[in-house]
N, C-alpha and C. Protein backbone atom coordinates (compact mmCIF):
# COMPACT_ATOMS: atom_id res chain seq x y z
N UNK A 1 -10.58 -39.21 -13.05
CA UNK A 1 -11.54 -38.40 -12.53
C UNK A 1 -10.98 -38.02 -10.59
N UNK A 2 -10.48 -39.28 -10.18
CA UNK A 2 -9.94 -38.65 -8.74
C UNK A 2 -8.67 -38.53 -8.74
N UNK A 3 -7.53 -38.77 -9.85
CA UNK A 3 -6.74 -37.66 -10.37
C UNK A 3 -6.72 -36.65 -10.84
N UNK A 4 -7.67 -36.37 -11.14
CA UNK A 4 -7.60 -35.50 -11.58
C UNK A 4 -7.97 -34.20 -10.93
N UNK A 5 -8.60 -34.72 -10.11
CA UNK A 5 -9.47 -34.09 -7.94
C UNK A 5 -8.05 -34.07 -7.27
N UNK A 6 -7.52 -35.11 -7.35
CA UNK A 6 -6.36 -35.04 -6.00
C UNK A 6 -4.93 -34.12 -6.80
N UNK A 7 -4.65 -34.16 -7.71
CA UNK A 7 -3.44 -33.30 -8.84
C UNK A 7 -4.49 -31.64 -8.74
N UNK A 8 -5.38 -31.53 -8.77
CA UNK A 8 -5.61 -29.80 -8.29
C UNK A 8 -5.59 -29.75 -7.26
N UNK A 9 -5.54 -30.39 -6.41
CA UNK A 9 -5.79 -30.03 -4.63
C UNK A 9 -3.78 -29.93 -4.73
N UNK A 10 -3.38 -31.06 -5.54
CA UNK A 10 -1.41 -31.31 -5.07
C UNK A 10 -1.40 -29.24 -5.51
N UNK A 11 -1.53 -29.27 -6.65
CA UNK A 11 -1.08 -27.59 -7.47
C UNK A 11 -1.35 -26.51 -6.69
N UNK A 12 -0.37 -25.63 -6.27
CA UNK A 12 0.56 -25.00 -5.76
C UNK A 12 0.25 -23.80 -6.63
N UNK A 13 1.17 -23.36 -7.82
CA UNK A 13 1.39 -22.48 -8.25
C UNK A 13 0.70 -21.76 -8.72
N UNK A 14 -0.82 -21.39 -8.44
CA UNK A 14 -1.43 -20.25 -7.72
C UNK A 14 -1.80 -19.54 -6.29
N UNK A 15 -0.97 -20.30 -5.31
CA UNK A 15 -1.23 -19.76 -4.41
C UNK A 15 0.67 -19.02 -3.59
N UNK A 16 1.28 -18.85 -4.77
CA UNK A 16 2.02 -17.54 -4.36
C UNK A 16 1.52 -16.32 -5.03
N UNK A 17 0.60 -16.81 -5.50
CA UNK A 17 0.00 -14.88 -6.70
C UNK A 17 -0.99 -14.70 -5.72
N UNK A 18 -1.16 -15.66 -5.10
CA UNK A 18 -3.06 -15.23 -3.82
C UNK A 18 -2.08 -14.67 -2.97
N UNK A 19 -1.36 -15.65 -1.67
CA UNK A 19 -0.19 -14.27 -1.29
C UNK A 19 0.14 -12.88 -1.23
N UNK A 20 0.46 -12.95 -2.20
CA UNK A 20 0.77 -11.39 -3.37
C UNK A 20 0.24 -11.11 -2.78
N UNK A 21 -1.23 -11.14 -3.16
CA UNK A 21 -2.40 -9.96 -3.47
C UNK A 21 -3.03 -10.22 -1.91
N UNK A 22 -3.19 -10.66 -1.10
CA UNK A 22 -3.31 -10.82 0.06
C UNK A 22 -2.52 -10.04 0.92
N UNK A 23 -0.80 -9.92 1.08
CA UNK A 23 -0.02 -9.70 1.53
C UNK A 23 -0.09 -7.35 0.56
N UNK A 24 -0.94 -7.04 -0.74
CA UNK A 24 -0.03 -6.13 -1.24
C UNK A 24 -2.15 -5.34 -0.37
N UNK A 25 -2.64 -6.22 -0.33
CA UNK A 25 -4.00 -5.73 0.00
C UNK A 25 -3.62 -5.58 1.53
N UNK A 26 -2.96 -5.88 2.26
CA UNK A 26 -2.56 -5.37 3.59
C UNK A 26 -2.13 -4.39 3.70
N UNK A 27 -0.35 -4.28 2.63
CA UNK A 27 -0.33 -2.89 2.39
C UNK A 27 -0.92 -1.47 2.24
N UNK A 28 -1.89 -1.20 1.15
CA UNK A 28 -2.62 -0.51 1.16
C UNK A 28 -3.24 -0.04 2.29
N UNK A 29 -4.24 -1.31 2.67
CA UNK A 29 -4.84 -0.65 4.28
C UNK A 29 -4.38 -0.77 4.97
N UNK A 30 -2.78 -0.61 5.69
CA UNK A 30 -1.70 -0.16 6.21
C UNK A 30 -1.53 1.37 6.26
N UNK A 31 -1.18 1.80 4.83
CA UNK A 31 -1.19 2.97 4.40
C UNK A 31 -2.39 3.84 4.15
N UNK A 32 -3.46 3.72 4.12
CA UNK A 32 -4.61 4.37 3.54
C UNK A 32 -4.85 4.45 5.49
N UNK A 33 -4.48 2.99 6.82
CA UNK A 33 -4.88 3.80 7.89
C UNK A 33 -3.96 5.40 8.63
N UNK A 34 -1.95 4.65 7.95
CA UNK A 34 -1.01 6.24 7.72
C UNK A 34 -1.66 6.67 7.84
N UNK A 35 -2.28 6.78 6.03
CA UNK A 35 -2.51 8.21 6.04
C UNK A 35 -3.31 9.32 6.61
N UNK A 36 -4.70 8.30 6.52
CA UNK A 36 -6.05 9.08 6.93
C UNK A 36 -5.83 9.43 8.56
N UNK A 37 -4.74 8.94 9.23
CA UNK A 37 -3.87 9.87 10.50
C UNK A 37 -3.09 10.26 10.75
N UNK A 38 -2.38 10.81 10.10
CA UNK A 38 -1.28 11.57 9.86
C UNK A 38 -2.13 12.74 8.51
N UNK A 39 -2.93 13.08 8.59
CA UNK A 39 -3.07 13.11 6.69
C UNK A 39 -3.34 14.68 7.67
N UNK A 40 -3.25 15.66 8.48
CA UNK A 40 -4.32 17.05 9.14
C UNK A 40 -1.96 17.18 9.46
N UNK A 41 -1.82 16.28 9.95
CA UNK A 41 -0.15 16.58 10.04
C UNK A 41 0.75 16.69 8.83
N UNK A 42 0.38 15.94 7.96
CA UNK A 42 1.67 16.78 6.10
C UNK A 42 0.85 17.55 5.39
N UNK A 43 -0.58 17.46 5.69
CA UNK A 43 -0.69 18.17 5.32
C UNK A 43 0.30 20.32 5.94
N UNK A 44 -0.16 20.73 7.37
CA UNK A 44 0.74 21.30 7.85
C UNK A 44 2.12 21.19 7.24
N UNK A 45 2.74 20.49 7.33
CA UNK A 45 4.51 20.21 7.02
C UNK A 45 4.68 19.97 6.18
N UNK A 46 4.01 20.25 4.90
CA UNK A 46 4.09 20.88 3.48
C UNK A 46 3.59 22.33 3.03
N UNK A 47 3.00 22.40 3.82
CA UNK A 47 1.99 24.12 4.05
C UNK A 47 3.47 24.87 3.95
N UNK A 48 3.87 24.34 5.58
CA UNK A 48 5.45 25.65 6.31
C UNK A 48 6.31 25.47 5.07
N UNK A 49 6.23 23.87 4.41
CA UNK A 49 7.79 23.68 3.17
C UNK A 49 7.58 24.77 2.15
N UNK A 50 6.09 24.63 2.13
CA UNK A 50 5.86 25.69 0.92
C UNK A 50 6.15 26.54 1.31
N UNK A 51 6.03 27.47 1.89
CA UNK A 51 6.23 28.45 2.33
C UNK A 51 7.63 28.82 2.73
N UNK A 52 8.49 28.13 3.10
CA UNK A 52 9.83 29.03 3.42
C UNK A 52 10.52 28.41 2.38
N UNK A 53 9.72 27.66 1.32
CA UNK A 53 10.53 27.81 0.01
C UNK A 53 9.97 29.11 -0.86
N UNK A 54 9.02 29.42 -1.14
CA UNK A 54 8.82 30.61 -1.09
C UNK A 54 10.43 31.95 -0.56
N UNK A 55 9.75 32.04 0.66
CA UNK A 55 10.49 33.10 1.33
C UNK A 55 11.64 32.46 0.51
N UNK A 56 12.22 31.75 0.41
CA UNK A 56 13.33 31.61 -0.04
C UNK A 56 14.01 31.79 -1.09
N UNK A 57 13.21 32.29 -1.68
CA UNK A 57 13.56 32.86 -3.27
C UNK A 57 12.56 33.07 -4.03
N UNK A 58 12.38 35.02 -2.55
CA UNK A 58 11.65 35.86 -2.45
C UNK A 58 10.60 36.08 -3.28
N UNK A 59 10.12 35.21 -2.87
CA UNK A 59 9.05 35.39 -4.60
C UNK A 59 7.83 36.21 -3.59
């Protein structure tokens, strides 16, 4: 039983998957923070872009 426990503690196969999951979580939180910070300015940018494209197309 002791050998099995020691082998389990030394096994690092799942560690990299956990690191990737933590990194992905950090990226999602950062993107959400940036999205909420710049949501109104991004909306204005896309509204202006849509208006300019419509006026250039003659609609």
